[in-house]
Amino acid sequence: MTNEELISEIKSGHNKADNLLQLFSQNRGILYRWSKPLSDSCDMSDLMQESFIALCDAVAYYDPEHENASFLKCLRFHIMNHFRDMIQSLDRKSVV
């Protein structure tokens, strides 16, 4: 299934957990690539967990009817926001 088909299934409530895991699995490569540059300062497993949470947020906000809508663009936006917040949180902890 495509990302968009899986999102449609998730939003309609059909096998929500399984479809969400499938969506994460089929986008794992790009999530890893986006996470890799931060792996020097953050644990990769933490980054991938944060990626999963961001993916859940992206699914909730994604609107295929929006002009020039691309799930990957929506996902990238949410992942970068999550990573930014994660790094800011780590910076605050190191100051204290």
N, C-alpha and C. Protein backbone atom coordinates (compact mmCIF):
# COMPACT_ATOMS: atom_id res chain seq x y z
N MET A 1 0.84 -1.19 0.00
CA MET A 1 0.00 0.00 0.00
C MET A 1 0.88 1.25 0.00
N THR A 2 0.37 2.28 -0.58
CA THR A 2 1.09 3.56 -0.55
C THR A 2 0.91 4.20 0.82
N ASN A 3 1.74 5.21 1.10
CA ASN A 3 1.60 5.96 2.35
C ASN A 3 0.19 6.51 2.48
N GLU A 4 -0.30 7.09 1.42
CA GLU A 4 -1.61 7.73 1.45
C GLU A 4 -2.73 6.72 1.69
N GLU A 5 -2.61 5.54 1.09
CA GLU A 5 -3.61 4.49 1.32
C GLU A 5 -3.60 4.03 2.78
N LEU A 6 -2.41 3.86 3.32
CA LEU A 6 -2.30 3.45 4.72
C LEU A 6 -2.89 4.51 5.65
N ILE A 7 -2.62 5.77 5.35
CA ILE A 7 -3.16 6.87 6.16
C ILE A 7 -4.68 6.87 6.11
N SER A 8 -5.22 6.63 4.93
CA SER A 8 -6.67 6.55 4.79
C SER A 8 -7.24 5.43 5.65
N GLU A 9 -6.57 4.29 5.64
CA GLU A 9 -7.00 3.16 6.46
C GLU A 9 -6.89 3.49 7.96
N ILE A 10 -5.81 4.14 8.34
CA ILE A 10 -5.60 4.50 9.75
C ILE A 10 -6.69 5.46 10.21
N LYS A 11 -6.94 6.48 9.40
CA LYS A 11 -7.93 7.50 9.77
C LYS A 11 -9.35 6.93 9.79
N SER A 12 -9.60 5.89 9.01
CA SER A 12 -10.93 5.27 9.02
C SER A 12 -11.06 4.24 10.14
N GLY A 13 -9.95 3.95 10.82
CA GLY A 13 -10.00 3.05 11.96
C GLY A 13 -9.79 1.58 11.64
N HIS A 14 -9.47 1.26 10.40
CA HIS A 14 -9.25 -0.14 10.01
C HIS A 14 -7.83 -0.58 10.39
N ASN A 15 -7.73 -1.55 11.27
CA ASN A 15 -6.42 -2.09 11.69
C ASN A 15 -5.43 -0.96 11.96
N LYS A 16 -5.86 -0.01 12.76
CA LYS A 16 -5.08 1.20 13.00
C LYS A 16 -3.64 0.91 13.42
N ALA A 17 -3.46 0.07 14.43
CA ALA A 17 -2.11 -0.21 14.94
C ALA A 17 -1.25 -0.91 13.88
N ASP A 18 -1.81 -1.90 13.22
CA ASP A 18 -1.05 -2.63 12.19
C ASP A 18 -0.67 -1.72 11.03
N ASN A 19 -1.61 -0.88 10.60
CA ASN A 19 -1.33 0.02 9.48
C ASN A 19 -0.32 1.09 9.86
N LEU A 20 -0.37 1.54 11.11
CA LEU A 20 0.60 2.53 11.57
C LEU A 20 2.00 1.93 11.60
N LEU A 21 2.11 0.70 12.08
CA LEU A 21 3.41 0.02 12.08
C LEU A 21 3.90 -0.23 10.66
N GLN A 22 2.98 -0.57 9.74
CA GLN A 22 3.36 -0.75 8.34
C GLN A 22 3.87 0.56 7.75
N LEU A 23 3.19 1.66 8.05
CA LEU A 23 3.60 2.97 7.55
C LEU A 23 5.00 3.32 8.07
N PHE A 24 5.23 3.07 9.36
CA PHE A 24 6.55 3.32 9.94
C PHE A 24 7.60 2.44 9.27
N SER A 25 7.27 1.17 9.09
CA SER A 25 8.21 0.23 8.49
C SER A 25 8.59 0.62 7.07
N GLN A 26 7.62 1.01 6.26
CA GLN A 26 7.94 1.32 4.87
C GLN A 26 8.61 2.68 4.70
N ASN A 27 8.62 3.50 5.76
CA ASN A 27 9.31 4.79 5.70
C ASN A 27 10.55 4.82 6.58
N ARG A 28 10.90 3.67 7.14
CA ARG A 28 12.03 3.58 8.07
C ARG A 28 13.34 4.08 7.46
N GLY A 29 13.57 3.79 6.20
CA GLY A 29 14.82 4.22 5.56
C GLY A 29 14.96 5.73 5.54
N ILE A 30 13.93 6.42 5.14
CA ILE A 30 14.01 7.88 5.09
C ILE A 30 14.05 8.47 6.50
N LEU A 31 13.34 7.84 7.43
CA LEU A 31 13.39 8.30 8.82
C LEU A 31 14.81 8.15 9.38
N TYR A 32 15.45 7.06 9.03
CA TYR A 32 16.83 6.84 9.46
C TYR A 32 17.76 7.89 8.86
N ARG A 33 17.59 8.16 7.57
CA ARG A 33 18.43 9.18 6.90
C ARG A 33 18.26 10.55 7.55
N TRP A 34 17.03 10.92 7.89
CA TRP A 34 16.78 12.21 8.51
C TRP A 34 17.33 12.24 9.94
N SER A 35 17.38 11.09 10.60
CA SER A 35 17.87 11.01 11.97
C SER A 35 19.39 10.96 12.06
N LYS A 36 20.02 10.36 11.10
CA LYS A 36 21.46 10.09 11.13
C LYS A 36 22.32 11.30 11.45
N PRO A 37 22.07 12.49 10.89
CA PRO A 37 22.95 13.63 11.20
C PRO A 37 22.96 14.00 12.69
N LEU A 38 21.94 13.61 13.42
CA LEU A 38 21.88 13.94 14.85
C LEU A 38 22.41 12.83 15.74
N SER A 39 22.86 11.74 15.15
CA SER A 39 23.24 10.57 15.93
C SER A 39 24.51 10.78 16.75
N ASP A 40 25.28 11.82 16.45
CA ASP A 40 26.46 12.12 17.27
C ASP A 40 26.07 12.69 18.62
N SER A 41 24.94 13.39 18.67
CA SER A 41 24.53 14.03 19.92
C SER A 41 23.35 13.33 20.59
N CYS A 42 22.68 12.42 19.88
CA CYS A 42 21.52 11.70 20.43
C CYS A 42 21.64 10.23 20.07
N ASP A 43 21.10 9.40 20.93
CA ASP A 43 21.08 7.96 20.67
C ASP A 43 20.13 7.67 19.51
N MET A 44 20.58 6.84 18.59
CA MET A 44 19.79 6.55 17.39
C MET A 44 18.44 5.92 17.74
N SER A 45 18.39 5.08 18.74
CA SER A 45 17.10 4.48 19.10
C SER A 45 16.13 5.54 19.63
N ASP A 46 16.66 6.54 20.35
CA ASP A 46 15.81 7.65 20.80
C ASP A 46 15.30 8.46 19.61
N LEU A 47 16.18 8.67 18.65
CA LEU A 47 15.78 9.42 17.45
C LEU A 47 14.71 8.67 16.66
N MET A 48 14.84 7.36 16.57
CA MET A 48 13.84 6.58 15.84
C MET A 48 12.51 6.54 16.60
N GLN A 49 12.57 6.51 17.92
CA GLN A 49 11.33 6.59 18.70
C GLN A 49 10.65 7.94 18.49
N GLU A 50 11.45 8.97 18.49
CA GLU A 50 10.90 10.32 18.25
C GLU A 50 10.34 10.40 16.83
N SER A 51 10.98 9.71 15.89
CA SER A 51 10.47 9.67 14.52
C SER A 51 9.11 9.00 14.46
N PHE A 52 8.91 7.95 15.24
CA PHE A 52 7.61 7.27 15.26
C PHE A 52 6.53 8.20 15.81
N ILE A 53 6.85 8.92 16.87
CA ILE A 53 5.89 9.87 17.44
C ILE A 53 5.57 10.96 16.42
N ALA A 54 6.58 11.46 15.73
CA ALA A 54 6.37 12.48 14.70
C ALA A 54 5.53 11.92 13.56
N LEU A 55 5.74 10.66 13.21
CA LEU A 55 4.95 10.03 12.16
C LEU A 55 3.48 9.99 12.58
N CYS A 56 3.22 9.67 13.83
CA CYS A 56 1.84 9.65 14.34
C CYS A 56 1.22 11.05 14.23
N ASP A 57 1.98 12.08 14.58
CA ASP A 57 1.50 13.46 14.45
C ASP A 57 1.23 13.81 12.99
N ALA A 58 2.14 13.40 12.12
CA ALA A 58 1.98 13.71 10.69
C ALA A 58 0.72 13.05 10.13
N VAL A 59 0.46 11.82 10.55
CA VAL A 59 -0.76 11.13 10.10
C VAL A 59 -1.99 11.92 10.54
N ALA A 60 -1.98 12.40 11.77
CA ALA A 60 -3.14 13.14 12.30
C ALA A 60 -3.37 14.44 11.53
N TYR A 61 -2.30 15.10 11.12
CA TYR A 61 -2.42 16.40 10.46
C TYR A 61 -2.49 16.34 8.94
N TYR A 62 -2.09 15.21 8.36
CA TYR A 62 -2.03 15.12 6.90
C TYR A 62 -3.41 15.25 6.27
N ASP A 63 -3.48 16.11 5.26
CA ASP A 63 -4.73 16.32 4.52
C ASP A 63 -4.43 16.15 3.03
N PRO A 64 -4.82 15.03 2.46
CA PRO A 64 -4.51 14.78 1.04
C PRO A 64 -5.20 15.75 0.10
N GLU A 65 -6.22 16.46 0.58
CA GLU A 65 -6.94 17.42 -0.26
C GLU A 65 -6.19 18.75 -0.40
N HIS A 66 -5.21 18.96 0.47
CA HIS A 66 -4.44 20.21 0.42
C HIS A 66 -3.63 20.25 -0.86
N GLU A 67 -3.60 21.40 -1.50
CA GLU A 67 -2.87 21.56 -2.75
C GLU A 67 -1.39 21.24 -2.53
N ASN A 68 -0.79 20.52 -3.45
CA ASN A 68 0.61 20.09 -3.37
C ASN A 68 0.88 19.25 -2.13
N ALA A 69 -0.14 18.52 -1.69
CA ALA A 69 0.00 17.70 -0.49
C ALA A 69 0.91 16.50 -0.77
N SER A 70 1.86 16.33 0.09
CA SER A 70 2.73 15.16 0.05
C SER A 70 2.91 14.71 1.49
N PHE A 71 2.65 13.45 1.75
CA PHE A 71 2.80 12.98 3.11
C PHE A 71 4.24 13.12 3.58
N LEU A 72 5.20 12.87 2.70
CA LEU A 72 6.60 12.98 3.11
C LEU A 72 6.97 14.41 3.50
N LYS A 73 6.39 15.41 2.83
CA LYS A 73 6.64 16.80 3.23
C LYS A 73 6.06 17.06 4.61
N CYS A 74 4.86 16.57 4.85
CA CYS A 74 4.22 16.72 6.14
C CYS A 74 5.04 15.99 7.21
N LEU A 75 5.48 14.80 6.91
CA LEU A 75 6.28 14.01 7.84
C LEU A 75 7.60 14.71 8.16
N ARG A 76 8.24 15.23 7.15
CA ARG A 76 9.52 15.93 7.37
C ARG A 76 9.31 17.14 8.29
N PHE A 77 8.27 17.89 8.08
CA PHE A 77 7.96 19.04 8.93
C PHE A 77 7.83 18.61 10.38
N HIS A 78 7.06 17.56 10.62
CA HIS A 78 6.83 17.10 11.99
C HIS A 78 8.09 16.51 12.61
N ILE A 79 8.86 15.79 11.83
CA ILE A 79 10.10 15.21 12.37
C ILE A 79 11.09 16.30 12.74
N MET A 80 11.25 17.28 11.90
CA MET A 80 12.20 18.35 12.22
C MET A 80 11.76 19.12 13.47
N ASN A 81 10.47 19.32 13.63
CA ASN A 81 9.98 19.97 14.85
C ASN A 81 10.25 19.12 16.08
N HIS A 82 10.01 17.84 15.97
CA HIS A 82 10.27 16.94 17.10
C HIS A 82 11.76 16.91 17.44
N PHE A 83 12.60 16.82 16.42
CA PHE A 83 14.04 16.80 16.67
C PHE A 83 14.52 18.11 17.31
N ARG A 84 13.98 19.22 16.81
CA ARG A 84 14.35 20.52 17.39
C ARG A 84 13.98 20.57 18.87
N ASP A 85 12.77 20.16 19.19
CA ASP A 85 12.32 20.15 20.58
C ASP A 85 13.17 19.20 21.43
N MET A 86 13.51 18.06 20.87
CA MET A 86 14.32 17.08 21.58
C MET A 86 15.70 17.64 21.91
N ILE A 87 16.32 18.29 20.95
CA ILE A 87 17.65 18.86 21.15
C ILE A 87 17.59 20.02 22.15
N GLN A 88 16.56 20.84 22.05
CA GLN A 88 16.41 21.93 23.03
C GLN A 88 16.23 21.39 24.43
N SER A 89 15.50 20.31 24.55
CA SER A 89 15.31 19.68 25.86
C SER A 89 16.62 19.15 26.41
N LEU A 90 17.43 18.54 25.55
CA LEU A 90 18.73 18.03 25.96
C LEU A 90 19.66 19.16 26.37
N ASP A 91 19.61 20.26 25.63
CA ASP A 91 20.44 21.43 25.95
C ASP A 91 20.07 22.01 27.31
N ARG A 92 18.76 22.06 27.60
CA ARG A 92 18.33 22.58 28.90
C ARG A 92 18.80 21.68 30.04
N LYS A 93 18.77 20.38 29.82
CA LYS A 93 19.20 19.42 30.84
C LYS A 93 20.70 19.51 31.10
N SER A 94 21.47 19.79 30.06
CA SER A 94 22.93 19.87 30.23
C SER A 94 23.33 21.15 30.97
N VAL A 95 22.51 22.18 30.91
CA VAL A 95 22.79 23.44 31.60
C VAL A 95 22.55 23.30 33.08
N VAL A 96 21.54 22.52 33.44
CA VAL A 96 21.14 22.37 34.85
C VAL A 96 22.11 21.51 35.60
